[in-house]
Amino acid sequence: MNLEGTSPIFVLGRQHSGNTLLAAVFDRLPGVRGMKGEGTFFECWAELDRLQADERLSRLVDILGRSDAPHLSPEARGELEAALRAHRARGSDLSACALYVAGMEHLAGRRGKHRWAQKATSYIFYVDLILRAFPRAKLIYLLRNPLDLAASLKLRGGRHALLRMVYAWNKGARLAGHYQTRHPESFLVVRFEDLVGAPEPTVRRVLGFCGLDFHPDCLQVPLVNPAEEPYRMESAEQGMDASRLFRYRQVLTAAEEAVVRWGVSRPLIERHYPELRAPDRRVGLRLVPGAVWLVGRSAAALVAEHLGQLFSDPGHMVKRLRRRLT
C-alpha cells in the first residue's frame, strides 16, 4: 500500500471549537467520508506496532470503530474486521499504519466515498508524525476564542477546568501558528467565529485548501453538541448557527472573565482576536477574592485529575504529559 499517495484530512482543535461541525461539512461532500468520532490512532501507533498481529488487528478495530460517530454497529464492526483480515490474507503490509489506512478506506467505501476526514482534537501534538506518514495530508486547526470556550465549559458543568482550558488554548494556538508557518501547504488555521459567522466563504477557503469543490449542500449540517445538550450527534436543526458567538458576555461572571483574560497569551489574542483586546467589564479590587478562589479551585481540580489518571494508568499519563509539555 502506498501511504504517500493517501491524502486524508484531519480536523484539529480544542473540544467545543466546531470540530464535529466541520467533520459534518466534509461528510456532506460527494466523495468524502467525515468521521465525527474521536481519532486516536496516532496517540498509540508505536504501541500498536509492538503487539502481536491478532491483538494489533483487534485493537485497530476498536480504534476505528470509535473514530466514527455514531459508533459502529455490531454488523459494521464485523465487516470492518473481515476487511482487515482479508487485507492481511493478501499478504499486504501488516504494519499498524497500513492496517489503519485499509480500515479507514473500508469505512469510507461503505458510504460510496474514496477520501476521509477525521476529527481528532489531540492530533495537534502529532503533526510532524502525521506528515511523515502522509505527506499529502491536510490538517485544519479550528480556533475558538477562549472566553466562549470558558462559557461552553461552564454551561457543561466544567467551570472548575478553567486553568486547564486556558493552558491548552495557549499551547494549541502557539503550535497551530508554528505549523501553519512551517507547513503552509499542509496546515491551515481557521477561526470558529469565521466558520459560523461567514460560512460560505470560510468553507470555500477550507475546501480549496483541501483540493475539493464547494457544494451548497455541505452548509446544511445538523446542529450537534450544543452546550445545553452535550453529545447530541443528530439534530433536525440544519445550517450554521452564529447565535452562540461571544456568548461569554451573558454566561461568565466578571471574575470568571478576569481569570481567563489573566491566563491567555496577550500576543495570541492580539493576533487572532484583536476585537477582544479590551475587557467588556471593569476589573476592580472587588473581583480579586472571587478570581483567587476560582484559580485555586481550578488548580486543585487539575492536580486531582492528573493524580487520578497517574494512579489508574501511569504509563499513558506520563506519555501524555510529556507530549503536551514539551
Protein backbone atom coordinates (compact mmCIF):
# COMPACT_ATOMS: atom_id res chain seq x y z
CA MET A 1 0.00 0.00 0.00
CA ASN A 2 1.41 3.41 -0.99
CA LEU A 3 0.84 5.59 2.05
CA GLU A 4 2.48 8.55 0.32
CA GLY A 5 -0.42 8.64 -2.14
CA THR A 6 -3.04 8.78 0.61
CA SER A 7 -4.46 12.25 1.27
CA PRO A 8 -6.52 12.20 4.47
CA ILE A 9 -7.94 15.31 6.11
CA PHE A 10 -7.62 15.84 9.87
CA VAL A 11 -9.72 18.31 11.83
CA LEU A 12 -7.84 19.50 14.91
CA GLY A 13 -8.60 21.93 17.73
CA ARG A 14 -9.78 22.21 21.30
CA GLN A 15 -13.02 20.49 22.30
CA HIS A 16 -16.13 22.63 21.70
CA SER A 17 -14.42 24.53 18.87
CA GLY A 18 -16.58 23.26 16.00
CA ASN A 19 -14.56 20.14 15.14
CA THR A 20 -17.66 17.95 14.84
CA LEU A 21 -19.36 20.65 12.78
CA LEU A 22 -16.51 20.79 10.26
CA ALA A 23 -16.33 16.99 10.06
CA ALA A 24 -20.05 17.06 9.24
CA VAL A 25 -19.38 19.62 6.48
CA PHE A 26 -16.87 17.24 4.89
CA ASP A 27 -19.34 14.37 5.25
CA ARG A 28 -21.86 16.25 3.09
CA LEU A 29 -19.46 16.26 0.13
CA PRO A 30 -19.92 13.62 -2.61
CA GLY A 31 -16.51 11.94 -2.27
CA VAL A 32 -15.54 12.47 1.38
CA ARG A 33 -16.45 10.50 4.48
CA GLY A 34 -16.41 12.79 7.51
CA MET A 35 -15.62 10.86 10.71
CA LYS A 36 -17.28 12.64 13.64
CA GLY A 37 -15.94 10.36 16.37
CA GLU A 38 -12.58 10.97 18.04
CA GLY A 39 -9.48 9.79 16.21
CA THR A 40 -6.76 8.37 18.49
CA PHE A 41 -4.62 6.24 16.17
CA PHE A 42 -1.52 8.45 16.27
CA GLU A 43 -1.58 8.51 20.07
CA CYS A 44 -0.95 4.74 20.19
CA TRP A 45 0.72 3.96 16.84
CA ALA A 46 4.05 2.94 18.39
CA GLU A 47 2.31 0.72 20.94
CA LEU A 48 0.24 -0.98 18.23
CA ASP A 49 3.31 -1.93 16.21
CA ARG A 50 4.70 -3.76 19.25
CA LEU A 51 1.65 -6.04 19.53
CA GLN A 52 1.20 -9.47 18.04
CA ALA A 53 -0.66 -9.48 14.72
CA ASP A 54 -4.04 -10.67 16.05
CA GLU A 55 -4.04 -8.28 19.00
CA ARG A 56 -2.96 -5.39 16.76
CA LEU A 57 -5.84 -6.07 14.39
CA SER A 58 -8.34 -6.29 17.25
CA ARG A 59 -7.14 -3.04 18.82
CA LEU A 60 -7.33 -1.29 15.46
CA VAL A 61 -10.92 -2.39 15.01
CA ASP A 62 -11.70 -0.79 18.39
CA ILE A 63 -9.89 2.45 17.48
CA LEU A 64 -11.50 2.68 14.05
CA GLY A 65 -14.92 1.91 15.49
CA ARG A 66 -14.65 4.81 17.94
CA SER A 67 -13.44 7.17 15.22
CA ASP A 68 -16.83 7.06 13.54
CA ALA A 69 -19.97 8.52 15.09
CA PRO A 70 -22.36 7.12 15.93
CA HIS A 71 -20.12 4.20 16.78
CA LEU A 72 -20.15 1.16 14.53
CA SER A 73 -22.98 -1.32 14.84
CA PRO A 74 -22.00 -4.94 15.56
CA GLU A 75 -22.65 -5.74 11.90
CA ALA A 76 -20.47 -2.88 10.63
CA ARG A 77 -17.76 -3.78 13.11
CA GLY A 78 -17.79 -7.38 11.85
CA GLU A 79 -17.46 -6.14 8.26
CA LEU A 80 -14.51 -3.95 9.25
CA GLU A 81 -12.72 -6.81 10.98
CA ALA A 82 -13.31 -9.06 7.97
CA ALA A 83 -11.89 -6.38 5.65
CA LEU A 84 -8.73 -6.10 7.74
CA ARG A 85 -8.32 -9.89 7.87
CA ALA A 86 -8.72 -10.04 4.10
CA HIS A 87 -6.07 -7.33 3.77
CA ARG A 88 -3.75 -9.46 5.90
CA ALA A 89 -4.57 -12.64 3.96
CA ARG A 90 -3.48 -10.97 0.72
CA GLY A 91 -0.01 -10.66 2.18
CA SER A 92 -0.25 -6.88 2.25
CA ASP A 93 1.70 -4.63 4.58
CA LEU A 94 0.71 -5.61 8.14
CA SER A 95 2.09 -2.56 9.95
CA ALA A 96 -0.34 -0.67 12.17
CA CYS A 97 -0.39 2.33 9.82
CA ALA A 98 -1.12 0.23 6.73
CA LEU A 99 -3.95 -1.55 8.54
CA TYR A 100 -5.26 1.80 9.77
CA VAL A 101 -5.41 3.14 6.20
CA ALA A 102 -7.08 -0.06 4.97
CA GLY A 103 -9.69 0.29 7.72
CA MET A 104 -10.39 3.95 7.03
CA GLU A 105 -10.70 3.27 3.31
CA HIS A 106 -13.14 0.46 4.09
CA LEU A 107 -15.28 2.77 6.26
CA ALA A 108 -15.27 5.46 3.55
CA GLY A 109 -16.09 2.87 0.87
CA ARG A 110 -19.14 1.67 2.82
CA ARG A 111 -20.65 5.10 2.09
CA GLY A 112 -19.51 5.10 -1.53
CA LYS A 113 -16.70 7.56 -0.81
CA HIS A 114 -12.99 7.48 -1.57
CA ARG A 115 -11.46 10.04 0.81
CA TRP A 116 -11.83 10.52 4.54
CA ALA A 117 -11.73 13.37 7.03
CA GLN A 118 -11.18 12.56 10.71
CA LYS A 119 -11.93 14.70 13.75
CA ALA A 120 -9.02 14.33 16.18
CA THR A 121 -8.60 17.02 18.82
CA SER A 122 -5.29 15.68 20.16
CA TYR A 123 -3.52 15.49 16.80
CA ILE A 124 -2.03 18.99 17.16
CA PHE A 125 0.66 17.15 19.17
CA TYR A 126 1.33 14.69 16.31
CA VAL A 127 1.57 16.94 13.25
CA ASP A 128 5.14 16.01 12.30
CA LEU A 129 4.36 12.31 12.72
CA ILE A 130 1.24 12.61 10.56
CA LEU A 131 3.03 14.46 7.77
CA ARG A 132 5.87 11.93 7.75
CA ALA A 133 3.32 9.14 7.31
CA PHE A 134 1.05 11.06 4.91
CA PRO A 135 2.94 13.83 3.06
CA ARG A 136 -0.27 14.75 1.20
CA ALA A 137 -2.42 15.05 4.32
CA LYS A 138 -4.31 18.27 5.03
CA LEU A 139 -4.71 19.47 8.61
CA ILE A 140 -7.21 22.13 9.66
CA TYR A 141 -6.95 23.59 13.15
CA LEU A 142 -10.15 25.20 14.46
CA LEU A 143 -9.54 28.04 16.88
CA ARG A 144 -12.30 29.42 19.08
CA ASN A 145 -11.94 32.43 21.33
CA PRO A 146 -11.07 31.30 24.89
CA LEU A 147 -13.80 33.33 26.57
CA ASP A 148 -16.51 31.47 24.65
CA LEU A 149 -14.73 28.18 25.38
CA ALA A 150 -14.90 29.08 29.08
CA ALA A 151 -18.61 29.83 28.72
CA SER A 152 -19.16 26.47 27.00
CA LEU A 153 -17.28 24.70 29.80
CA LYS A 154 -19.35 26.46 32.44
CA LEU A 155 -22.63 25.50 30.77
CA ARG A 156 -21.43 21.88 30.72
CA GLY A 157 -20.57 21.95 34.41
CA GLY A 158 -16.82 22.31 33.84
CA ARG A 159 -16.24 25.69 35.49
CA HIS A 160 -13.50 24.12 37.64
CA ALA A 161 -11.45 23.33 34.48
CA LEU A 162 -10.75 26.94 33.50
CA LEU A 163 -6.99 26.80 34.12
CA ARG A 164 -6.55 23.61 32.12
CA MET A 165 -8.56 25.09 29.26
CA VAL A 166 -6.54 28.32 29.25
CA TYR A 167 -3.21 26.47 29.28
CA ALA A 168 -4.36 24.13 26.49
CA TRP A 169 -5.70 27.05 24.42
CA ASN A 170 -2.35 28.85 24.63
CA LYS A 171 -0.43 25.68 23.79
CA GLY A 172 -2.67 24.73 20.88
CA ALA A 173 -2.77 28.22 19.37
CA ARG A 174 1.03 28.53 19.55
CA LEU A 175 1.55 25.14 17.93
CA ALA A 176 -1.03 25.88 15.26
CA GLY A 177 0.70 29.15 14.36
CA HIS A 178 4.06 27.36 14.24
CA TYR A 179 2.82 24.60 11.94
CA GLN A 180 0.93 26.95 9.63
CA THR A 181 4.17 28.90 9.13
CA ARG A 182 6.27 25.76 8.76
CA HIS A 183 3.86 23.78 6.55
CA PRO A 184 1.63 26.34 4.78
CA GLU A 185 0.69 23.83 2.09
CA SER A 186 -0.48 21.26 4.66
CA PHE A 187 -1.71 23.15 7.73
CA LEU A 188 -4.47 25.76 7.96
CA VAL A 189 -5.80 27.69 10.99
CA VAL A 190 -9.49 28.60 10.82
CA ARG A 191 -11.43 30.59 13.41
CA PHE A 192 -14.69 29.01 14.59
CA GLU A 193 -16.19 32.50 14.54
CA ASP A 194 -15.50 32.76 10.81
CA LEU A 195 -16.83 29.27 10.15
CA VAL A 196 -20.27 30.01 11.63
CA GLY A 197 -20.31 33.78 11.09
CA ALA A 198 -19.35 33.72 7.40
CA PRO A 199 -19.89 30.06 6.49
CA GLU A 200 -19.78 30.07 2.70
CA PRO A 201 -16.51 31.99 2.14
CA THR A 202 -14.86 30.18 5.03
CA VAL A 203 -15.91 26.72 3.86
CA ARG A 204 -14.86 27.61 0.31
CA ARG A 205 -11.41 28.52 1.66
CA VAL A 206 -11.14 25.26 3.63
CA LEU A 207 -12.28 23.12 0.72
CA GLY A 208 -9.99 24.91 -1.72
CA PHE A 209 -7.09 24.25 0.66
CA CYS A 210 -8.01 20.55 0.59
CA GLY A 211 -8.38 20.48 -3.20
CA LEU A 212 -12.16 19.97 -3.02
CA ASP A 213 -15.05 21.64 -4.82
CA PHE A 214 -17.70 23.59 -2.93
CA HIS A 215 -21.27 22.26 -2.81
CA PRO A 216 -24.00 24.44 -1.23
CA ASP A 217 -25.46 21.33 0.42
CA CYS A 218 -22.41 20.99 2.64
CA LEU A 219 -23.55 24.02 4.66
CA GLN A 220 -26.80 22.27 5.64
CA VAL A 221 -25.26 20.41 8.55
CA PRO A 222 -27.09 19.37 11.70
CA LEU A 223 -26.51 21.37 14.87
CA VAL A 224 -24.57 18.98 17.13
CA ASN A 225 -23.15 19.05 20.65
CA PRO A 226 -24.76 22.32 21.83
CA ALA A 227 -23.75 23.28 25.36
CA GLU A 228 -27.33 22.82 26.56
CA GLU A 229 -27.47 19.26 25.17
CA PRO A 230 -23.87 17.95 25.02
CA TYR A 231 -23.03 14.85 22.97
CA ARG A 232 -26.12 15.11 20.76
CA MET A 233 -24.85 13.87 17.40
CA GLU A 234 -28.08 14.19 15.41
CA SER A 235 -30.46 17.13 15.08
CA ALA A 236 -33.38 18.30 12.96
CA GLU A 237 -31.87 21.81 13.01
CA GLN A 238 -29.85 22.46 9.87
CA GLY A 239 -27.30 25.08 8.91
CA MET A 240 -24.59 27.12 10.59
CA ASP A 241 -25.67 28.90 13.79
CA ALA A 242 -23.92 32.14 14.75
CA SER A 243 -26.19 32.86 17.73
CA ARG A 244 -23.62 31.48 20.20
CA LEU A 245 -20.79 33.78 19.15
CA PHE A 246 -19.36 35.85 22.02
CA ARG A 247 -21.88 34.27 24.34
CA TYR A 248 -19.48 34.65 27.25
CA ARG A 249 -20.91 38.13 27.86
CA GLN A 250 -24.12 36.56 29.11
CA VAL A 251 -22.62 33.42 30.69
CA LEU A 252 -19.41 34.34 32.50
CA THR A 253 -19.22 36.38 35.66
CA ALA A 254 -16.81 39.32 35.74
CA ALA A 255 -14.44 37.25 37.93
CA GLU A 256 -14.51 34.32 35.50
CA GLU A 257 -13.80 36.60 32.57
CA ALA A 258 -10.92 38.19 34.51
CA VAL A 259 -9.35 34.78 35.23
CA VAL A 260 -9.49 33.74 31.57
CA ARG A 261 -8.07 37.07 30.41
CA TRP A 262 -5.29 36.83 33.00
CA GLY A 263 -4.28 33.37 31.78
CA VAL A 264 -4.46 33.65 27.99
CA SER A 265 -1.49 34.85 25.98
CA ARG A 266 -1.90 38.51 25.05
CA PRO A 267 0.13 38.17 21.81
CA LEU A 268 -2.13 35.29 20.73
CA ILE A 269 -5.25 37.36 21.45
CA GLU A 270 -3.72 40.28 19.54
CA ARG A 271 -3.02 38.00 16.59
CA HIS A 272 -6.26 36.03 16.38
CA TYR A 273 -8.87 38.08 18.30
CA PRO A 274 -7.96 41.77 18.24
CA GLU A 275 -11.63 42.57 18.86
CA LEU A 276 -11.26 41.05 22.36
CA ARG A 277 -8.24 43.09 23.45
CA ALA A 278 -10.20 45.30 25.83
CA PRO A 279 -12.26 43.76 28.67
CA ASP A 280 -16.01 44.24 28.44
CA ARG A 281 -16.25 44.97 32.16
CA ARG A 282 -14.07 46.95 34.51
CA VAL A 283 -11.84 44.85 36.72
CA GLY A 284 -11.73 46.24 40.27
CA LEU A 285 -10.41 45.08 43.61
CA ARG A 286 -13.82 43.67 44.48
CA LEU A 287 -13.22 40.90 41.93
CA VAL A 288 -9.96 39.73 43.48
CA PRO A 289 -11.38 37.32 46.11
CA GLY A 290 -13.63 35.59 43.58
CA ALA A 291 -10.86 35.36 40.99
CA VAL A 292 -8.38 33.97 43.53
CA TRP A 293 -10.93 31.36 44.63
CA LEU A 294 -11.53 30.34 41.01
CA VAL A 295 -7.80 29.96 40.34
CA GLY A 296 -7.32 27.88 43.48
CA ARG A 297 -10.34 25.69 42.72
CA SER A 298 -9.18 25.12 39.14
CA ALA A 299 -5.63 24.31 40.25
CA ALA A 300 -6.88 21.81 42.84
CA ALA A 301 -9.16 20.12 40.29
CA LEU A 302 -6.31 19.90 37.79
CA VAL A 303 -3.96 18.27 40.31
CA ALA A 304 -6.67 15.83 41.46
CA GLU A 305 -7.50 14.83 37.88
CA HIS A 306 -3.86 14.19 36.95
CA LEU A 307 -3.18 12.24 40.14
CA GLY A 308 -6.20 10.05 39.46
CA GLN A 309 -5.03 9.35 35.91
CA LEU A 310 -1.48 8.75 37.13
CA PHE A 311 -2.62 6.03 39.52
CA SER A 312 -5.04 4.40 37.06
CA ASP A 313 -2.70 4.35 34.03
CA PRO A 314 0.75 5.76 34.87
CA GLY A 315 2.40 4.88 31.56
CA HIS A 316 -0.24 6.59 29.46
CA MET A 317 -0.35 9.60 31.78
CA VAL A 318 3.42 10.16 31.67
CA LYS A 319 3.47 9.84 27.88
CA ARG A 320 0.51 12.22 27.55
CA LEU A 321 2.06 14.86 29.81
CA ARG A 322 5.43 14.64 28.06
CA ARG A 323 3.77 15.12 24.69
CA ARG A 324 1.82 18.18 25.90
CA LEU A 325 4.51 19.86 27.96
CA THR A 326 7.43 19.52 25.56
